[in-house]
N, C-alpha and C. Protein backbone atom coordinates (compact mmCIF):
# COMPACT_ATOMS: atom_id res chain seq x y z
N MET A 1 0.84 -1.18 0.00
CA MET A 1 0.00 0.00 0.00
C MET A 1 0.88 1.24 0.00
N ALA A 2 0.53 2.22 -0.83
CA ALA A 2 1.25 3.48 -0.87
C ALA A 2 0.41 4.53 -0.15
N VAL A 3 1.03 5.23 0.78
CA VAL A 3 0.29 6.21 1.57
C VAL A 3 0.97 7.56 1.49
N GLY A 4 0.19 8.61 1.31
CA GLY A 4 0.71 9.97 1.35
C GLY A 4 1.43 10.43 0.10
N ILE A 5 1.17 9.78 -1.03
CA ILE A 5 1.81 10.21 -2.27
C ILE A 5 0.82 11.03 -3.09
N ARG A 6 1.35 11.81 -4.01
CA ARG A 6 0.51 12.60 -4.90
C ARG A 6 0.96 12.35 -6.33
N PRO A 7 0.01 12.19 -7.24
CA PRO A 7 0.37 12.03 -8.64
C PRO A 7 1.08 13.28 -9.16
N ASN A 8 2.18 13.08 -9.89
CA ASN A 8 2.85 14.19 -10.56
C ASN A 8 2.27 14.25 -11.96
N LYS A 9 1.30 15.11 -12.13
CA LYS A 9 0.57 15.18 -13.40
C LYS A 9 0.91 16.43 -14.20
N ALA A 10 1.95 17.14 -13.81
CA ALA A 10 2.32 18.40 -14.48
C ALA A 10 2.60 18.21 -15.97
N LEU A 11 3.36 17.18 -16.33
CA LEU A 11 3.66 16.92 -17.74
C LEU A 11 2.39 16.63 -18.53
N ALA A 12 1.52 15.81 -17.94
CA ALA A 12 0.26 15.47 -18.62
C ALA A 12 -0.60 16.71 -18.82
N GLU A 13 -0.70 17.55 -17.80
CA GLU A 13 -1.51 18.77 -17.92
C GLU A 13 -0.94 19.70 -18.99
N SER A 14 0.38 19.84 -19.00
CA SER A 14 1.00 20.72 -19.99
C SER A 14 0.88 20.16 -21.40
N SER A 15 0.64 18.84 -21.50
CA SER A 15 0.45 18.20 -22.81
C SER A 15 -1.00 18.23 -23.26
N GLY A 16 -1.88 18.74 -22.42
CA GLY A 16 -3.29 18.86 -22.79
C GLY A 16 -4.16 17.68 -22.39
N LEU A 17 -3.63 16.73 -21.60
CA LEU A 17 -4.44 15.60 -21.16
C LEU A 17 -5.35 16.04 -20.02
N PHE A 18 -6.57 15.52 -20.01
CA PHE A 18 -7.54 15.89 -18.98
C PHE A 18 -7.13 15.26 -17.65
N CYS A 19 -7.00 16.10 -16.62
CA CYS A 19 -6.60 15.64 -15.28
C CYS A 19 -7.58 16.15 -14.24
N ASN A 20 -7.71 15.38 -13.19
CA ASN A 20 -8.47 15.76 -12.00
C ASN A 20 -7.54 15.48 -10.83
N LYS A 21 -7.76 14.41 -10.07
CA LYS A 21 -6.79 13.97 -9.04
C LYS A 21 -5.56 13.39 -9.71
N GLY A 22 -5.76 12.77 -10.83
CA GLY A 22 -4.71 12.19 -11.67
C GLY A 22 -5.13 12.34 -13.12
N ILE A 23 -4.46 11.62 -14.00
CA ILE A 23 -4.82 11.65 -15.42
C ILE A 23 -6.04 10.74 -15.58
N VAL A 24 -7.13 11.29 -16.04
CA VAL A 24 -8.39 10.55 -16.10
C VAL A 24 -8.35 9.54 -17.24
N VAL A 25 -8.65 8.27 -16.88
CA VAL A 25 -8.62 7.17 -17.84
C VAL A 25 -9.96 6.43 -17.85
N ASN A 26 -10.17 5.68 -18.94
CA ASN A 26 -11.37 4.85 -19.06
C ASN A 26 -11.07 3.43 -18.55
N ASP A 27 -11.98 2.51 -18.76
CA ASP A 27 -11.81 1.13 -18.29
C ASP A 27 -10.65 0.39 -18.96
N TYR A 28 -10.17 0.91 -20.08
CA TYR A 28 -9.06 0.29 -20.79
C TYR A 28 -7.74 1.00 -20.51
N MET A 29 -7.74 1.91 -19.53
CA MET A 29 -6.58 2.70 -19.11
C MET A 29 -6.11 3.67 -20.18
N GLN A 30 -6.99 4.00 -21.12
CA GLN A 30 -6.70 5.03 -22.12
C GLN A 30 -7.12 6.37 -21.54
N THR A 31 -6.35 7.42 -21.84
CA THR A 31 -6.78 8.74 -21.38
C THR A 31 -8.07 9.11 -22.10
N VAL A 32 -8.91 9.86 -21.41
CA VAL A 32 -10.18 10.27 -22.03
C VAL A 32 -9.95 11.33 -23.09
N THR A 33 -8.77 11.95 -23.09
CA THR A 33 -8.43 12.98 -24.07
C THR A 33 -7.93 12.37 -25.37
N ASP A 34 -7.10 11.33 -25.28
CA ASP A 34 -6.45 10.74 -26.45
C ASP A 34 -6.34 9.24 -26.25
N ALA A 35 -7.13 8.47 -26.99
CA ALA A 35 -7.18 7.01 -26.82
C ALA A 35 -5.88 6.31 -27.16
N SER A 36 -4.92 7.01 -27.79
CA SER A 36 -3.64 6.38 -28.10
C SER A 36 -2.65 6.50 -26.94
N VAL A 37 -3.04 7.19 -25.86
CA VAL A 37 -2.18 7.34 -24.69
C VAL A 37 -2.77 6.53 -23.54
N TYR A 38 -1.98 5.61 -23.00
CA TYR A 38 -2.38 4.77 -21.87
C TYR A 38 -1.65 5.22 -20.62
N VAL A 39 -2.31 5.12 -19.47
CA VAL A 39 -1.72 5.55 -18.20
C VAL A 39 -1.96 4.47 -17.15
N VAL A 40 -0.95 4.19 -16.34
CA VAL A 40 -1.09 3.25 -15.23
C VAL A 40 -0.39 3.84 -14.00
N GLY A 41 -0.75 3.33 -12.86
CA GLY A 41 -0.06 3.71 -11.63
C GLY A 41 -0.58 4.96 -10.97
N GLU A 42 0.28 5.62 -10.20
CA GLU A 42 -0.13 6.74 -9.37
C GLU A 42 -0.71 7.90 -10.15
N CYS A 43 -0.35 8.04 -11.41
CA CYS A 43 -0.85 9.15 -12.21
C CYS A 43 -2.24 8.90 -12.76
N ALA A 44 -2.71 7.66 -12.74
CA ALA A 44 -4.02 7.34 -13.31
C ALA A 44 -5.15 7.56 -12.31
N GLU A 45 -6.22 8.13 -12.80
CA GLU A 45 -7.45 8.26 -12.02
C GLU A 45 -8.54 7.51 -12.77
N HIS A 46 -9.02 6.43 -12.18
CA HIS A 46 -10.04 5.58 -12.81
C HIS A 46 -11.30 5.63 -11.98
N ARG A 47 -12.39 6.06 -12.61
CA ARG A 47 -13.69 6.17 -11.94
C ARG A 47 -13.60 7.00 -10.66
N GLY A 48 -12.83 8.08 -10.72
CA GLY A 48 -12.74 9.01 -9.60
C GLY A 48 -11.75 8.65 -8.51
N VAL A 49 -10.98 7.55 -8.71
CA VAL A 49 -10.04 7.10 -7.69
C VAL A 49 -8.63 7.08 -8.27
N ALA A 50 -7.70 7.72 -7.55
CA ALA A 50 -6.27 7.64 -7.88
C ALA A 50 -5.64 6.75 -6.81
N TYR A 51 -5.15 5.58 -7.20
CA TYR A 51 -4.71 4.57 -6.24
C TYR A 51 -3.31 4.77 -5.68
N GLY A 52 -2.40 5.33 -6.44
CA GLY A 52 -1.05 5.60 -5.94
C GLY A 52 -0.15 4.39 -5.90
N LEU A 53 0.19 3.82 -7.05
CA LEU A 53 1.02 2.60 -7.09
C LEU A 53 2.24 2.72 -7.97
N GLY A 54 2.67 3.88 -8.33
CA GLY A 54 3.79 4.05 -9.27
C GLY A 54 3.25 4.59 -10.60
N CYS A 55 4.09 5.04 -11.49
CA CYS A 55 3.58 5.71 -12.69
C CYS A 55 4.35 5.32 -13.95
N ALA A 56 3.63 5.10 -15.01
CA ALA A 56 4.24 4.90 -16.33
C ALA A 56 3.22 5.35 -17.36
N ILE A 57 3.67 6.17 -18.30
CA ILE A 57 2.83 6.57 -19.43
C ILE A 57 3.42 5.93 -20.67
N VAL A 58 2.60 5.16 -21.37
CA VAL A 58 3.08 4.44 -22.54
C VAL A 58 2.58 5.11 -23.79
């Protein structure tokens, strides 16, 4: 369990990806802004929840 971390979403925001608590993704982990961008880990926000498990943008 990761406690007390915050998603670093600055790069995503500056790239125009839609962010809230994290980078907002759908059920397939695609960003809602651009389906060719996938997000996992601490930066992803799925259904309103950012879990905080590490970050990788593919």
